[in-house]
Amino acid sequence: HGEPSYEFVCPMPVKGGSRIWIKVVGTFTKETVEGIPV
């Protein structure tokens, strides 16, 4: 949809077998590494 960013909430595993909940916010950039977007 051509959005500049995204966000979501999800569980994240933690070493030892437990987990936490995180809110993730990601931003697309024009930067690339060997042709792969960052």
All heavy atoms as atom14 arrays in JSON, in Angstrom:
{
  "sequence": "HGEPSYEFVCPMPVKGGSRIWIKVVGTFTKETVEGIPV",
  "atom14_mask": [
    [1, 1, 1, 1, 1, 1, 1, 1, 1, 1, 0, 0, 0, 0],
    [1, 1, 1, 1, 0, 0, 0, 0, 0, 0, 0, 0, 0, 0],
    [1, 1, 1, 1, 1, 1, 1, 1, 1, 0, 0, 0, 0, 0],
    [1, 1, 1, 1, 1, 1, 1, 0, 0, 0, 0, 0, 0, 0],
    [1, 1, 1, 1, 1, 1, 0, 0, 0, 0, 0, 0, 0, 0],
    [1, 1, 1, 1, 1, 1, 1, 1, 1, 1, 1, 1, 0, 0],
    [1, 1, 1, 1, 1, 1, 1, 1, 1, 0, 0, 0, 0, 0],
    [1, 1, 1, 1, 1, 1, 1, 1, 1, 1, 1, 0, 0, 0],
    [1, 1, 1, 1, 1, 1, 1, 0, 0, 0, 0, 0, 0, 0],
    [1, 1, 1, 1, 1, 1, 0, 0, 0, 0, 0, 0, 0, 0],
    [1, 1, 1, 1, 1, 1, 1, 0, 0, 0, 0, 0, 0, 0],
    [1, 1, 1, 1, 1, 1, 1, 1, 0, 0, 0, 0, 0, 0],
    [1, 1, 1, 1, 1, 1, 1, 0, 0, 0, 0, 0, 0, 0],
    [1, 1, 1, 1, 1, 1, 1, 0, 0, 0, 0, 0, 0, 0],
    [1, 1, 1, 1, 1, 1, 1, 1, 1, 0, 0, 0, 0, 0],
    [1, 1, 1, 1, 0, 0, 0, 0, 0, 0, 0, 0, 0, 0],
    [1, 1, 1, 1, 0, 0, 0, 0, 0, 0, 0, 0, 0, 0],
    [1, 1, 1, 1, 1, 1, 0, 0, 0, 0, 0, 0, 0, 0],
    [1, 1, 1, 1, 1, 1, 1, 1, 1, 1, 1, 0, 0, 0],
    [1, 1, 1, 1, 1, 1, 1, 1, 0, 0, 0, 0, 0, 0],
    [1, 1, 1, 1, 1, 1, 1, 1, 1, 1, 1, 1, 1, 1],
    [1, 1, 1, 1, 1, 1, 1, 1, 0, 0, 0, 0, 0, 0],
    [1, 1, 1, 1, 1, 1, 1, 1, 1, 0, 0, 0, 0, 0],
    [1, 1, 1, 1, 1, 1, 1, 0, 0, 0, 0, 0, 0, 0],
    [1, 1, 1, 1, 1, 1, 1, 0, 0, 0, 0, 0, 0, 0],
    [1, 1, 1, 1, 0, 0, 0, 0, 0, 0, 0, 0, 0, 0],
    [1, 1, 1, 1, 1, 1, 1, 0, 0, 0, 0, 0, 0, 0],
    [1, 1, 1, 1, 1, 1, 1, 1, 1, 1, 1, 0, 0, 0],
    [1, 1, 1, 1, 1, 1, 1, 0, 0, 0, 0, 0, 0, 0],
    [1, 1, 1, 1, 1, 1, 1, 1, 1, 0, 0, 0, 0, 0],
    [1, 1, 1, 1, 1, 1, 1, 1, 1, 0, 0, 0, 0, 0],
    [1, 1, 1, 1, 1, 1, 1, 0, 0, 0, 0, 0, 0, 0],
    [1, 1, 1, 1, 1, 1, 1, 0, 0, 0, 0, 0, 0, 0],
    [1, 1, 1, 1, 1, 1, 1, 1, 1, 0, 0, 0, 0, 0],
    [1, 1, 1, 1, 0, 0, 0, 0, 0, 0, 0, 0, 0, 0],
    [1, 1, 1, 1, 1, 1, 1, 1, 0, 0, 0, 0, 0, 0],
    [1, 1, 1, 1, 1, 1, 1, 0, 0, 0, 0, 0, 0, 0],
    [1, 1, 1, 1, 1, 1, 1, 0, 0, 0, 0, 0, 0, 0]
  ],
  "atom14_positions": [
    [[0.81, -1.22, 0.0], [0.0, 0.0, 0.0], [0.85, 1.27, 0.0], [0.32, 2.37, 0.16], [-0.94, 0.01, 1.2], [-2.02, -1.03, 1.14], [-1.86, -2.31, 1.64], [-3.28, -0.98, 0.62], [-2.97, -3.0, 1.44], [-3.85, -2.22, 0.82], [0.0, 0.0, 0.0], [0.0, 0.0, 0.0], [0.0, 0.0, 0.0], [0.0, 0.0, 0.0]],
    [[2.15, 1.1, -0.16], [3.03, 2.27, -0.24], [3.16, 3.04, 1.05], [3.47, 4.24, 1.03], [0.0, 0.0, 0.0], [0.0, 0.0, 0.0], [0.0, 0.0, 0.0], [0.0, 0.0, 0.0], [0.0, 0.0, 0.0], [0.0, 0.0, 0.0], [0.0, 0.0, 0.0], [0.0, 0.0, 0.0], [0.0, 0.0, 0.0], [0.0, 0.0, 0.0]],
    [[2.95, 2.38, 2.17], [3.07, 3.05, 3.45], [4.54, 3.28, 3.8], [5.4, 2.46, 3.47], [2.43, 2.21, 4.56], [0.95, 1.9, 4.36], [0.1, 3.13, 4.55], [0.58, 4.12, 5.15], [-1.07, 3.11, 4.1], [0.0, 0.0, 0.0], [0.0, 0.0, 0.0], [0.0, 0.0, 0.0], [0.0, 0.0, 0.0], [0.0, 0.0, 0.0]],
    [[4.86, 4.39, 4.46], [6.26, 4.66, 4.82], [6.74, 3.83, 6.01], [7.94, 3.71, 6.24], [6.25, 6.15, 5.17], [4.85, 6.41, 5.65], [3.97, 5.51, 4.81], [0.0, 0.0, 0.0], [0.0, 0.0, 0.0], [0.0, 0.0, 0.0], [0.0, 0.0, 0.0], [0.0, 0.0, 0.0], [0.0, 0.0, 0.0], [0.0, 0.0, 0.0]],
    [[5.79, 3.27, 6.77], [6.15, 2.52, 7.97], [5.06, 1.51, 8.29], [4.04, 1.42, 7.61], [6.36, 3.47, 9.16], [5.14, 4.15, 9.45], [0.0, 0.0, 0.0], [0.0, 0.0, 0.0], [0.0, 0.0, 0.0], [0.0, 0.0, 0.0], [0.0, 0.0, 0.0], [0.0, 0.0, 0.0], [0.0, 0.0, 0.0], [0.0, 0.0, 0.0]],
    [[5.28, 0.75, 9.34], [4.32, -0.25, 9.79], [4.48, -0.41, 11.3], [5.5, 0.0, 11.88], [4.57, -1.6, 9.1], [5.94, -2.16, 9.35], [6.21, -2.95, 10.47], [7.0, -1.87, 8.49], [7.49, -3.43, 10.72], [8.28, -2.35, 8.72], [8.51, -3.13, 9.84], [9.78, -3.6, 10.09], [0.0, 0.0, 0.0], [0.0, 0.0, 0.0]],
    [[3.5, -1.01, 11.94], [3.62, -1.32, 13.36], [2.72, -2.5, 13.7], [1.7, -2.73, 13.04], [3.3, -0.12, 14.24], [1.86, 0.36, 14.2], [1.65, 1.52, 15.17], [2.21, 2.61, 14.93], [0.92, 1.31, 16.19], [0.0, 0.0, 0.0], [0.0, 0.0, 0.0], [0.0, 0.0, 0.0], [0.0, 0.0, 0.0], [0.0, 0.0, 0.0]],
    [[3.12, -3.25, 14.7], [2.33, -4.37, 15.15], [2.78, -4.76, 16.56], [3.84, -4.34, 17.03], [2.45, -5.58, 14.21], [3.85, -6.05, 13.96], [4.49, -6.9, 14.85], [4.54, -5.64, 12.82], [5.79, -7.33, 14.6], [5.83, -6.07, 12.57], [6.46, -6.92, 13.47], [0.0, 0.0, 0.0], [0.0, 0.0, 0.0], [0.0, 0.0, 0.0]],
    [[1.98, -5.58, 17.21], [2.3, -6.13, 18.53], [2.42, -7.64, 18.39], [1.59, -8.28, 17.73], [1.2, -5.78, 19.56], [1.44, -6.52, 20.87], [1.16, -4.28, 19.79], [0.0, 0.0, 0.0], [0.0, 0.0, 0.0], [0.0, 0.0, 0.0], [0.0, 0.0, 0.0], [0.0, 0.0, 0.0], [0.0, 0.0, 0.0], [0.0, 0.0, 0.0]],
    [[3.45, -8.21, 19.0], [3.64, -9.65, 18.9], [4.43, -10.17, 20.11], [5.11, -9.39, 20.78], [4.37, -10.01, 17.6], [6.12, -9.56, 17.59], [0.0, 0.0, 0.0], [0.0, 0.0, 0.0], [0.0, 0.0, 0.0], [0.0, 0.0, 0.0], [0.0, 0.0, 0.0], [0.0, 0.0, 0.0], [0.0, 0.0, 0.0], [0.0, 0.0, 0.0]],
    [[4.35, -11.46, 20.38], [5.19, -12.04, 21.43], [6.62, -12.21, 20.93], [6.85, -12.39, 19.73], [4.54, -13.4, 21.7], [3.89, -13.76, 20.41], [3.43, -12.46, 19.8], [0.0, 0.0, 0.0], [0.0, 0.0, 0.0], [0.0, 0.0, 0.0], [0.0, 0.0, 0.0], [0.0, 0.0, 0.0], [0.0, 0.0, 0.0], [0.0, 0.0, 0.0]],
    [[7.6, -12.13, 21.82], [8.99, -12.37, 21.46], [9.59, -13.38, 22.44], [9.54, -13.16, 23.65], [9.8, -11.07, 21.52], [11.23, -11.24, 20.99], [12.2, -9.71, 21.05], [12.82, -9.8, 22.74], [0.0, 0.0, 0.0], [0.0, 0.0, 0.0], [0.0, 0.0, 0.0], [0.0, 0.0, 0.0], [0.0, 0.0, 0.0], [0.0, 0.0, 0.0]],
    [[10.1, -14.5, 21.93], [10.72, -15.47, 22.84], [11.96, -14.9, 23.5], [12.66, -14.06, 22.93], [11.07, -16.64, 21.91], [11.18, -16.03, 20.54], [10.19, -14.9, 20.52], [0.0, 0.0, 0.0], [0.0, 0.0, 0.0], [0.0, 0.0, 0.0], [0.0, 0.0, 0.0], [0.0, 0.0, 0.0], [0.0, 0.0, 0.0], [0.0, 0.0, 0.0]],
    [[12.24, -15.37, 24.69], [13.39, -14.93, 25.46], [14.2, -16.16, 25.86], [13.63, -17.22, 26.14], [12.96, -14.14, 26.72], [14.16, -13.77, 27.57], [12.19, -12.9, 26.31], [0.0, 0.0, 0.0], [0.0, 0.0, 0.0], [0.0, 0.0, 0.0], [0.0, 0.0, 0.0], [0.0, 0.0, 0.0], [0.0, 0.0, 0.0], [0.0, 0.0, 0.0]],
    [[15.49, -16.03, 25.88], [16.35, -17.14, 26.26], [15.91, -17.73, 27.6], [15.69, -17.0, 28.54], [17.81, -16.67, 26.35], [18.81, -17.79, 26.66], [20.23, -17.25, 26.72], [21.22, -18.36, 27.0], [22.62, -17.85, 27.09], [0.0, 0.0, 0.0], [0.0, 0.0, 0.0], [0.0, 0.0, 0.0], [0.0, 0.0, 0.0], [0.0, 0.0, 0.0]],
    [[15.78, -19.04, 27.64], [15.33, -19.69, 28.86], [13.93, -20.24, 28.77], [13.47, -20.96, 29.65], [0.0, 0.0, 0.0], [0.0, 0.0, 0.0], [0.0, 0.0, 0.0], [0.0, 0.0, 0.0], [0.0, 0.0, 0.0], [0.0, 0.0, 0.0], [0.0, 0.0, 0.0], [0.0, 0.0, 0.0], [0.0, 0.0, 0.0], [0.0, 0.0, 0.0]],
    [[13.19, -19.85, 27.69], [11.87, -20.43, 27.48], [10.69, -19.53, 27.74], [9.56, -19.9, 27.44], [0.0, 0.0, 0.0], [0.0, 0.0, 0.0], [0.0, 0.0, 0.0], [0.0, 0.0, 0.0], [0.0, 0.0, 0.0], [0.0, 0.0, 0.0], [0.0, 0.0, 0.0], [0.0, 0.0, 0.0], [0.0, 0.0, 0.0], [0.0, 0.0, 0.0]],
    [[10.91, -18.34, 28.31], [9.79, -17.43, 28.55], [9.58, -16.55, 27.33], [10.21, -16.74, 26.29], [10.04, -16.59, 29.8], [11.21, -15.81, 29.65], [0.0, 0.0, 0.0], [0.0, 0.0, 0.0], [0.0, 0.0, 0.0], [0.0, 0.0, 0.0], [0.0, 0.0, 0.0], [0.0, 0.0, 0.0], [0.0, 0.0, 0.0], [0.0, 0.0, 0.0]],
    [[8.73, -15.58, 27.44], [8.5, -14.65, 26.33], [8.05, -13.3, 26.89], [7.6, -13.21, 28.04], [7.43, -15.19, 25.38], [6.02, -15.18, 25.96], [4.99, -15.64, 24.97], [3.66, -15.6, 25.56], [2.56, -16.01, 24.94], [2.62, -16.5, 23.73], [1.37, -15.94, 25.54], [0.0, 0.0, 0.0], [0.0, 0.0, 0.0], [0.0, 0.0, 0.0]],
    [[8.19, -12.29, 26.07], [7.67, -10.97, 26.39], [6.8, -10.51, 25.23], [6.78, -11.15, 24.17], [8.81, -9.94, 26.63], [9.66, -9.77, 25.36], [9.67, -10.36, 27.81], [10.7, -8.67, 25.46], [0.0, 0.0, 0.0], [0.0, 0.0, 0.0], [0.0, 0.0, 0.0], [0.0, 0.0, 0.0], [0.0, 0.0, 0.0], [0.0, 0.0, 0.0]],
    [[6.08, -9.43, 25.44], [5.28, -8.84, 24.37], [5.92, -7.52, 23.96], [6.33, -6.73, 24.82], [3.84, -8.59, 24.83], [3.04, -9.85, 24.89], [2.92, -10.7, 25.95], [2.27, -10.42, 23.83], [2.13, -11.78, 25.62], [1.7, -11.62, 24.34], [1.98, -10.03, 22.52], [0.87, -12.43, 23.55], [1.16, -10.84, 21.74], [0.61, -12.02, 22.26]],
    [[6.03, -7.3, 22.66], [6.68, -6.09, 22.16], [5.79, -5.38, 21.14], [5.0, -6.01, 20.43], [8.05, -6.41, 21.5], [7.88, -7.41, 20.35], [9.03, -6.92, 22.54], [9.16, -7.67, 19.57], [0.0, 0.0, 0.0], [0.0, 0.0, 0.0], [0.0, 0.0, 0.0], [0.0, 0.0, 0.0], [0.0, 0.0, 0.0], [0.0, 0.0, 0.0]],
    [[5.93, -4.07, 21.11], [5.31, -3.26, 20.06], [6.41, -2.86, 19.11], [7.41, -2.25, 19.52], [4.63, -2.01, 20.63], [4.0, -1.14, 19.53], [3.3, 0.08, 20.11], [2.67, 0.91, 18.99], [2.01, 2.11, 19.53], [0.0, 0.0, 0.0], [0.0, 0.0, 0.0], [0.0, 0.0, 0.0], [0.0, 0.0, 0.0], [0.0, 0.0, 0.0]],
    [[6.25, -3.21, 17.84], [7.28, -2.97, 16.82], [6.83, -1.87, 15.87], [5.7, -1.89, 15.38], [7.57, -4.26, 16.02], [8.66, -4.01, 14.97], [7.97, -5.4, 16.94], [0.0, 0.0, 0.0], [0.0, 0.0, 0.0], [0.0, 0.0, 0.0], [0.0, 0.0, 0.0], [0.0, 0.0, 0.0], [0.0, 0.0, 0.0], [0.0, 0.0, 0.0]],
    [[7.71, -0.91, 15.62], [7.47, 0.13, 14.63], [8.65, 0.1, 13.66], [9.8, 0.25, 14.06], [7.35, 1.53, 15.26], [7.15, 2.59, 14.18], [6.21, 1.56, 16.27], [0.0, 0.0, 0.0], [0.0, 0.0, 0.0], [0.0, 0.0, 0.0], [0.0, 0.0, 0.0], [0.0, 0.0, 0.0], [0.0, 0.0, 0.0], [0.0, 0.0, 0.0]],
    [[8.35, -0.13, 12.39], [9.4, -0.19, 11.38], [9.25, 0.92, 10.35], [8.13, 1.32, 10.03], [0.0, 0.0, 0.0], [0.0, 0.0, 0.0], [0.0, 0.0, 0.0], [0.0, 0.0, 0.0], [0.0, 0.0, 0.0], [0.0, 0.0, 0.0], [0.0, 0.0, 0.0], [0.0, 0.0, 0.0], [0.0, 0.0, 0.0], [0.0, 0.0, 0.0]],
    [[10.36, 1.4, 9.85], [10.36, 2.48, 8.86], [11.17, 2.06, 7.65], [12.32, 1.62, 7.78], [10.96, 3.78, 9.44], [10.22, 4.15, 10.62], [10.89, 4.91, 8.42], [0.0, 0.0, 0.0], [0.0, 0.0, 0.0], [0.0, 0.0, 0.0], [0.0, 0.0, 0.0], [0.0, 0.0, 0.0], [0.0, 0.0, 0.0], [0.0, 0.0, 0.0]],
    [[10.57, 2.17, 6.47], [11.28, 1.84, 5.23], [12.24, 2.98, 4.88], [11.96, 4.15, 5.17], [10.3, 1.62, 4.09], [9.3, 0.52, 4.36], [7.96, 0.79, 4.54], [9.72, -0.81, 4.44], [7.05, -0.21, 4.79], [8.81, -1.82, 4.69], [7.47, -1.53, 4.86], [0.0, 0.0, 0.0], [0.0, 0.0, 0.0], [0.0, 0.0, 0.0]],
    [[13.36, 2.64, 4.28], [14.33, 3.66, 3.89], [14.73, 3.45, 2.43], [14.38, 2.44, 1.81], [15.61, 3.56, 4.76], [16.36, 2.4, 4.36], [15.27, 3.47, 6.23], [0.0, 0.0, 0.0], [0.0, 0.0, 0.0], [0.0, 0.0, 0.0], [0.0, 0.0, 0.0], [0.0, 0.0, 0.0], [0.0, 0.0, 0.0], [0.0, 0.0, 0.0]],
    [[15.46, 4.42, 1.89], [16.01, 4.29, 0.54], [17.4, 3.67, 0.56], [18.01, 3.46, -0.47], [16.05, 5.67, -0.13], [14.67, 6.29, -0.36], [14.77, 7.63, -1.06], [13.38, 8.22, -1.31], [13.45, 9.55, -1.98], [0.0, 0.0, 0.0], [0.0, 0.0, 0.0], [0.0, 0.0, 0.0], [0.0, 0.0, 0.0], [0.0, 0.0, 0.0]],
    [[17.87, 3.4, 1.77], [19.19, 2.8, 1.93], [19.16, 1.33, 1.5], [18.18, 0.62, 1.73], [19.62, 2.91, 3.4], [21.0, 2.37, 3.7], [21.35, 2.49, 5.17], [20.6, 3.16, 5.9], [22.37, 1.9, 5.58], [0.0, 0.0, 0.0], [0.0, 0.0, 0.0], [0.0, 0.0, 0.0], [0.0, 0.0, 0.0], [0.0, 0.0, 0.0]],
    [[20.23, 0.88, 0.89], [20.35, -0.52, 0.49], [21.73, -1.05, 0.85], [22.69, -0.28, 0.99], [20.14, -0.7, -1.02], [21.15, 0.02, -1.74], [18.75, -0.23, -1.46], [0.0, 0.0, 0.0], [0.0, 0.0, 0.0], [0.0, 0.0, 0.0], [0.0, 0.0, 0.0], [0.0, 0.0, 0.0], [0.0, 0.0, 0.0], [0.0, 0.0, 0.0]],
    [[21.81, -2.36, 1.0], [23.08, -3.05, 1.19], [23.14, -4.16, 0.15], [22.34, -5.09, 0.18], [23.2, -3.64, 2.61], [24.47, -4.48, 2.73], [23.19, -2.53, 3.65], [0.0, 0.0, 0.0], [0.0, 0.0, 0.0], [0.0, 0.0, 0.0], [0.0, 0.0, 0.0], [0.0, 0.0, 0.0], [0.0, 0.0, 0.0], [0.0, 0.0, 0.0]],
    [[24.06, -4.01, -0.8], [24.18, -4.96, -1.91], [22.83, -5.14, -2.61], [22.42, -6.25, -2.97], [24.72, -6.3, -1.42], [26.13, -6.2, -0.84], [26.66, -7.56, -0.4], [25.89, -8.54, -0.44], [27.85, -7.63, -0.02], [0.0, 0.0, 0.0], [0.0, 0.0, 0.0], [0.0, 0.0, 0.0], [0.0, 0.0, 0.0], [0.0, 0.0, 0.0]],
    [[22.14, -4.02, -2.78], [20.87, -4.03, -3.5], [19.66, -4.41, -2.68], [18.53, -4.38, -3.19], [0.0, 0.0, 0.0], [0.0, 0.0, 0.0], [0.0, 0.0, 0.0], [0.0, 0.0, 0.0], [0.0, 0.0, 0.0], [0.0, 0.0, 0.0], [0.0, 0.0, 0.0], [0.0, 0.0, 0.0], [0.0, 0.0, 0.0], [0.0, 0.0, 0.0]],
    [[19.85, -4.76, -1.41], [18.73, -5.16, -0.55], [18.3, -3.98, 0.32], [19.14, -3.38, 1.0], [19.12, -6.36, 0.35], [19.58, -7.53, -0.51], [17.94, -6.77, 1.23], [20.09, -8.71, 0.3], [0.0, 0.0, 0.0], [0.0, 0.0, 0.0], [0.0, 0.0, 0.0], [0.0, 0.0, 0.0], [0.0, 0.0, 0.0], [0.0, 0.0, 0.0]],
    [[17.0, -3.62, 0.32], [16.54, -2.47, 1.12], [16.8, -2.67, 2.6], [16.85, -3.79, 3.11], [15.04, -2.43, 0.82], [14.87, -3.16, -0.48], [15.92, -4.22, -0.48], [0.0, 0.0, 0.0], [0.0, 0.0, 0.0], [0.0, 0.0, 0.0], [0.0, 0.0, 0.0], [0.0, 0.0, 0.0], [0.0, 0.0, 0.0], [0.0, 0.0, 0.0]],
    [[16.94, -1.54, 3.29], [17.18, -1.53, 4.73], [15.97, -0.96, 5.45], [15.37, 0.03, 5.0], [18.44, -0.7, 5.07], [18.58, -0.53, 6.58], [19.68, -1.36, 4.49], [0.0, 0.0, 0.0], [0.0, 0.0, 0.0], [0.0, 0.0, 0.0], [0.0, 0.0, 0.0], [0.0, 0.0, 0.0], [0.0, 0.0, 0.0], [0.0, 0.0, 0.0]]
  ]
}
